[in-house]
């Protein structure tokens, strides 16, 4: 066979291979994350890569209370193994982007205007994020969940429209369930997905586990925006992350956005200045290696 024919055949094979990869890449988010992810400063797998020049925050494991971008809103004590402990039963650990949280810089809470702006306080608000943490539940009198969330500011009665969020109930303490919820404004405007049972082993008490919540915007084929939510779980804290929940908000979820000037089923496409690590009822929890990263969203699912 002539040299020119070999060149033509090689070129055709190359085009077919690249086309096949692009097709599979665009239809398999797990492939995207496994090919393009790395590990963070704690050695924890990143499901999606950090956006070039994007916001990042990593827990200061030597002196977390000295970090101006982190407000645990509780007394935390260091354990002998270098992790930290909280015994408060209502935990809301807040993380701010590099611009901080400045309520006086929030100029509108009208949700149609927020959709247009793309952020609540600053252009670098937490929007497309991957939130990660290791936790060990020591004790709780009842079942509840570890809940990571973003896309809003403070959740307070005096400014209910600031309290928007997508939330992942990443993992329940004893029942092995997971779900998402959407908070269109603070107080009463909540919508929930149906809980999913992750495993029959249920309880995570007494062992270290890894929890991740991911949220990112993407454009649908009809050019309309949507938000994808994911929860990931490392059941044995050894780097074997498994996606346990996946949901897309493309509308028709929630019906109370009109209270804050949005559509009834308003999609929360804007960023917010606070990302929160939350849990309730638990009387003793150890935690470490918390992080919030602005991610490069993958292709539309």
Protein backbone atom coordinates (compact mmCIF):
# COMPACT_ATOMS: atom_id res chain seq x y z
CA UNK A 1 0.00 0.00 0.00
CA UNK A 2 1.29 3.44 -0.91
CA UNK A 3 2.42 5.96 1.66
CA UNK A 4 -0.42 8.37 0.69
CA UNK A 5 -3.06 5.69 1.29
CA UNK A 6 -1.60 4.98 4.72
CA UNK A 7 -1.78 8.69 5.56
CA UNK A 8 -5.43 8.88 4.44
CA UNK A 9 -6.42 5.75 6.38
CA UNK A 10 -4.62 6.99 9.52
CA UNK A 11 -6.38 10.35 9.27
CA UNK A 12 -9.80 8.69 8.90
CA UNK A 13 -9.17 6.40 11.88
CA UNK A 14 -8.05 9.39 13.91
CA UNK A 15 -11.19 11.37 13.10
CA UNK A 16 -13.41 8.40 13.97
CA UNK A 17 -11.59 7.87 17.28
CA UNK A 18 -11.84 11.52 18.26
CA UNK A 19 -15.51 11.64 17.27
CA UNK A 20 -16.25 8.54 19.33
CA UNK A 21 -14.46 9.99 22.33
CA UNK A 22 -16.34 13.31 22.05
CA UNK A 23 -19.66 11.48 21.80
CA UNK A 24 -18.93 9.35 24.85
CA UNK A 25 -17.46 12.33 26.70
CA UNK A 26 -20.62 14.35 26.12
CA UNK A 27 -22.83 11.47 27.25
CA UNK A 28 -20.92 10.20 30.26
CA UNK A 29 -20.26 12.62 33.09
CA UNK A 30 -18.40 9.98 35.09
CA UNK A 31 -15.87 9.65 32.28
CA UNK A 32 -15.44 13.43 32.24
CA UNK A 33 -14.78 13.58 35.95
CA UNK A 34 -12.44 10.59 35.99
CA UNK A 35 -10.38 11.88 33.05
CA UNK A 36 -10.12 15.52 34.08
CA UNK A 37 -10.15 15.46 37.88
CA UNK A 38 -7.17 15.52 40.20
CA UNK A 39 -6.71 15.65 43.95
CA UNK A 40 -6.94 18.64 46.25
CA UNK A 41 -4.42 19.82 48.84
CA UNK A 42 -5.73 17.21 51.30
CA UNK A 43 -5.22 14.41 48.77
CA UNK A 44 -8.98 14.07 48.21
CA UNK A 45 -10.24 13.29 44.73
CA UNK A 46 -11.77 16.20 42.83
CA UNK A 47 -14.80 15.12 40.82
CA UNK A 48 -14.59 18.19 38.57
CA UNK A 49 -11.57 20.41 37.92
CA UNK A 50 -11.20 23.83 39.54
CA UNK A 51 -12.01 26.71 37.20
CA UNK A 52 -8.88 28.45 35.98
CA UNK A 53 -8.46 31.47 38.24
CA UNK A 54 -11.61 30.47 40.15
CA UNK A 55 -12.40 30.78 43.83
CA UNK A 56 -11.05 28.17 46.24
CA UNK A 57 -11.20 27.74 49.98
CA UNK A 58 -9.54 25.03 52.06
CA UNK A 59 -9.93 24.59 55.79
CA UNK A 60 -6.91 25.75 57.77
CA UNK A 61 -6.20 22.56 59.68
CA UNK A 62 -3.73 24.31 61.99
CA UNK A 63 -5.88 27.28 63.00
CA UNK A 64 -9.37 27.25 61.45
CA UNK A 65 -10.70 29.87 63.87
CA UNK A 66 -8.09 32.33 62.64
CA UNK A 67 -9.40 32.22 59.07
CA UNK A 68 -11.47 35.34 58.21
CA UNK A 69 -13.22 33.44 55.42
CA UNK A 70 -14.52 30.76 57.80
CA UNK A 71 -17.09 31.24 60.56
CA UNK A 72 -18.01 28.01 62.36
CA UNK A 73 -20.47 29.89 64.61
CA UNK A 74 -19.61 27.39 67.32
CA UNK A 75 -16.79 26.39 69.61
CA UNK A 76 -14.52 23.90 67.88
CA UNK A 77 -11.79 21.91 69.63
CA UNK A 78 -8.83 20.08 68.14
CA UNK A 79 -8.61 16.30 68.48
CA UNK A 80 -5.33 14.40 69.02
CA UNK A 81 -5.44 13.16 65.40
CA UNK A 82 -5.59 16.73 64.04
CA UNK A 83 -9.31 16.73 63.24
CA UNK A 84 -11.80 19.01 65.01
CA UNK A 85 -14.88 18.47 67.15
CA UNK A 86 -18.21 20.25 67.56
CA UNK A 87 -20.76 19.38 70.22
CA UNK A 88 -23.30 22.10 69.36
CA UNK A 89 -26.61 20.66 68.08
CA UNK A 90 -27.32 23.32 65.44
CA UNK A 91 -24.25 23.77 63.26
CA UNK A 92 -23.96 26.30 60.42
CA UNK A 93 -20.31 26.64 59.39
CA UNK A 94 -20.09 29.44 56.83
CA UNK A 95 -17.44 29.84 54.14
CA UNK A 96 -16.99 33.09 52.19
CA UNK A 97 -15.34 33.77 48.82
CA UNK A 98 -12.29 36.04 48.73
CA UNK A 99 -14.57 39.10 48.60
CA UNK A 100 -16.03 38.09 51.96
CA UNK A 101 -19.63 38.54 53.06
CA UNK A 102 -20.85 42.14 53.06
CA UNK A 103 -24.59 42.49 53.36
CA UNK A 104 -24.46 46.19 52.43
CA UNK A 105 -23.10 45.23 49.00
CA UNK A 106 -26.21 43.20 48.16
CA UNK A 107 -28.15 45.71 46.06
CA UNK A 108 -31.13 43.60 45.05
CA UNK A 109 -32.92 40.45 46.15
CA UNK A 110 -35.38 40.49 43.26
CA UNK A 111 -34.91 37.07 41.72
CA UNK A 112 -35.42 38.17 38.12
CA UNK A 113 -32.71 40.79 38.61
CA UNK A 114 -30.44 38.23 40.30
CA UNK A 115 -30.90 35.93 37.31
CA UNK A 116 -29.72 38.69 35.00
CA UNK A 117 -26.75 39.68 37.21
CA UNK A 118 -25.66 36.12 37.89
CA UNK A 119 -24.70 36.85 41.49
CA UNK A 120 -26.13 38.19 44.73
CA UNK A 121 -23.21 40.17 46.19
CA UNK A 122 -20.08 39.93 44.03
CA UNK A 123 -19.10 38.42 40.66
CA UNK A 124 -17.01 35.82 42.53
CA UNK A 125 -19.91 34.60 44.70
CA UNK A 126 -20.12 30.82 45.18
CA UNK A 127 -22.10 29.49 42.18
CA UNK A 128 -20.69 26.45 40.35
CA UNK A 129 -19.12 24.61 43.24
CA UNK A 130 -17.84 21.35 44.63
CA UNK A 131 -18.05 21.24 48.44
CA UNK A 132 -16.20 18.47 50.25
CA UNK A 133 -15.72 17.35 53.84
CA UNK A 134 -14.82 14.40 56.03
CA UNK A 135 -17.05 13.80 59.04
CA UNK A 136 -17.41 11.25 61.80
CA UNK A 137 -20.71 11.12 63.66
CA UNK A 138 -20.04 10.23 67.29
CA UNK A 139 -23.53 10.64 68.69
CA UNK A 140 -27.00 11.95 67.91
CA UNK A 141 -30.30 11.36 69.72
CA UNK A 142 -32.20 11.11 66.41
CA UNK A 143 -31.78 10.70 62.69
CA UNK A 144 -31.03 13.78 60.58
CA UNK A 145 -28.51 14.60 57.86
CA UNK A 146 -25.27 16.34 56.93
CA UNK A 147 -26.37 19.19 54.68
CA UNK A 148 -24.07 21.17 52.37
CA UNK A 149 -25.48 24.17 50.46
CA UNK A 150 -24.80 27.39 48.53
CA UNK A 151 -26.30 30.07 46.21
CA UNK A 152 -27.50 32.53 48.82
CA UNK A 153 -26.51 34.70 51.76
CA UNK A 154 -27.70 34.70 55.37
CA UNK A 155 -30.83 32.73 56.19
CA UNK A 156 -32.60 35.08 58.59
CA UNK A 157 -36.20 36.19 59.17
CA UNK A 158 -35.46 39.88 58.54
CA UNK A 159 -34.20 39.24 54.98
CA UNK A 160 -36.00 36.09 53.80
CA UNK A 161 -35.18 36.64 50.11
CA UNK A 162 -31.46 36.54 50.88
CA UNK A 163 -31.90 32.96 52.08
CA UNK A 164 -31.95 31.18 48.73
CA UNK A 165 -30.13 27.88 48.29
CA UNK A 166 -29.77 24.53 46.67
CA UNK A 167 -29.07 22.03 49.41
CA UNK A 168 -27.86 18.47 49.50
CA UNK A 169 -28.89 16.32 52.43
CA UNK A 170 -25.81 14.36 51.46
CA UNK A 171 -26.25 11.57 53.98
CA UNK A 172 -28.61 10.78 56.82
CA UNK A 173 -27.03 9.66 60.10
CA UNK A 174 -28.74 6.30 60.60
CA UNK A 175 -31.15 5.56 57.73
CA UNK A 176 -28.69 5.68 54.81
CA UNK A 177 -30.78 8.12 52.78
CA UNK A 178 -29.94 11.14 50.63
CA UNK A 179 -32.01 13.89 48.95
CA UNK A 180 -31.88 17.46 47.59
CA UNK A 181 -33.89 20.48 48.54
CA UNK A 182 -34.46 23.91 47.06
CA UNK A 183 -34.99 26.95 49.26
CA UNK A 184 -36.63 29.75 47.25
CA UNK A 185 -36.61 32.03 50.27
CA UNK A 186 -35.91 31.53 53.94
CA UNK A 187 -38.68 30.39 56.24
CA UNK A 188 -41.30 28.45 54.35
CA UNK A 189 -40.39 28.10 50.67
CA UNK A 190 -38.87 24.60 50.51
CA UNK A 191 -39.15 21.82 47.92
CA UNK A 192 -37.63 18.36 48.29
CA UNK A 193 -36.73 15.48 46.04
CA UNK A 194 -37.81 12.03 47.16
CA UNK A 195 -35.27 10.47 49.55
CA UNK A 196 -33.10 7.74 48.06
CA UNK A 197 -31.72 4.87 50.12
CA UNK A 198 -28.00 4.60 49.48
CA UNK A 199 -27.30 1.28 51.17
CA UNK A 200 -28.86 -1.23 53.50
CA UNK A 201 -25.98 -0.79 55.94
CA UNK A 202 -27.53 2.61 56.75
CA UNK A 203 -25.78 4.04 59.81
CA UNK A 204 -22.58 6.03 59.38
CA UNK A 205 -22.07 6.45 63.12
CA UNK A 206 -18.58 5.94 64.51
CA UNK A 207 -16.63 6.00 61.24
CA UNK A 208 -15.02 8.58 58.98
CA UNK A 209 -16.87 9.16 55.70
CA UNK A 210 -16.43 11.61 52.82
CA UNK A 211 -19.29 13.81 51.62
CA UNK A 212 -19.50 15.95 48.47
CA UNK A 213 -22.14 18.30 47.10
CA UNK A 214 -21.86 19.69 43.57
CA UNK A 215 -23.95 22.35 41.80
CA UNK A 216 -23.42 23.86 38.38
CA UNK A 217 -25.34 25.69 35.66
CA UNK A 218 -25.61 24.46 32.10
CA UNK A 219 -27.54 25.37 28.97
CA UNK A 220 -30.18 22.95 27.74
CA UNK A 221 -30.70 22.08 24.08
CA UNK A 222 -33.52 24.62 23.98
CA UNK A 223 -30.99 27.28 25.12
CA UNK A 224 -32.73 27.65 28.49
CA UNK A 225 -30.64 27.47 31.70
CA UNK A 226 -30.79 24.60 34.16
CA UNK A 227 -28.91 23.55 37.29
CA UNK A 228 -27.47 20.13 37.95
CA UNK A 229 -27.05 18.87 41.52
CA UNK A 230 -24.97 15.88 42.58
CA UNK A 231 -24.08 14.15 45.84
CA UNK A 232 -21.04 11.88 46.20
CA UNK A 233 -20.17 9.54 49.07
CA UNK A 234 -16.94 7.91 50.22
CA UNK A 235 -18.30 5.27 52.59
CA UNK A 236 -14.94 4.06 53.90
CA UNK A 237 -12.95 7.31 53.60
CA UNK A 238 -10.41 5.66 51.31
CA UNK A 239 -10.95 7.62 48.11
CA UNK A 240 -13.62 5.36 46.60
CA UNK A 241 -16.14 8.05 45.74
CA UNK A 242 -19.56 7.00 44.46
CA UNK A 243 -22.21 9.29 43.02
CA UNK A 244 -25.31 8.65 45.12
CA UNK A 245 -27.72 11.30 43.83
CA UNK A 246 -28.17 13.34 40.66
CA UNK A 247 -30.93 15.83 39.87
CA UNK A 248 -31.57 18.57 37.31
CA UNK A 249 -33.68 21.64 38.06
CA UNK A 250 -34.97 22.79 34.67
CA UNK A 251 -38.14 24.31 36.11
CA UNK A 252 -41.40 23.01 37.60
CA UNK A 253 -39.70 22.46 40.96
CA UNK A 254 -40.98 24.81 43.63
CA UNK A 255 -43.83 27.29 43.43
CA UNK A 256 -42.99 30.20 45.74
CA UNK A 257 -40.45 32.24 43.80
CA UNK A 258 -43.00 34.99 43.19
CA UNK A 259 -42.61 36.16 46.80
CA UNK A 260 -39.15 37.48 45.87
CA UNK A 261 -39.98 38.74 42.40
CA UNK A 262 -39.16 35.59 40.47
CA UNK A 263 -41.14 33.01 38.57
CA UNK A 264 -43.14 30.61 40.72
CA UNK A 265 -40.66 27.81 39.96
CA UNK A 266 -37.66 30.16 39.73
CA UNK A 267 -34.39 28.33 38.99
CA UNK A 268 -31.60 29.59 41.27
CA UNK A 269 -28.95 30.31 38.65
CA UNK A 270 -27.08 33.03 40.57
CA UNK A 271 -24.20 32.73 42.99
CA UNK A 272 -24.27 33.73 46.64
CA UNK A 273 -21.60 34.91 49.10
CA UNK A 274 -22.01 32.07 51.62
CA UNK A 275 -21.48 28.32 51.31
CA UNK A 276 -22.53 26.37 54.40
CA UNK A 277 -21.70 23.07 56.06
CA UNK A 278 -24.70 22.25 58.24
CA UNK A 279 -26.05 19.60 60.59
CA UNK A 280 -28.65 19.43 63.38
CA UNK A 281 -29.43 17.28 66.43
CA UNK A 282 -26.04 15.56 66.50
CA UNK A 283 -24.41 16.05 69.91
CA UNK A 284 -20.86 15.09 68.93
CA UNK A 285 -19.26 15.29 65.47
CA UNK A 286 -15.64 15.23 64.33
CA UNK A 287 -14.74 16.89 61.03
CA UNK A 288 -11.74 17.74 58.86
CA UNK A 289 -10.56 18.69 55.36
CA UNK A 290 -13.47 20.93 54.45
CA UNK A 291 -13.21 22.69 51.09
CA UNK A 292 -15.22 24.74 48.61
CA UNK A 293 -14.00 25.09 45.02
CA UNK A 294 -15.37 26.93 42.02
CA UNK A 295 -15.46 24.28 39.32
CA UNK A 296 -15.30 24.26 35.54
CA UNK A 297 -18.74 22.89 34.59
CA UNK A 298 -18.70 19.85 32.32
CA UNK A 299 -20.61 19.63 29.05
CA UNK A 300 -24.39 19.52 29.28
CA UNK A 301 -25.63 16.12 30.43
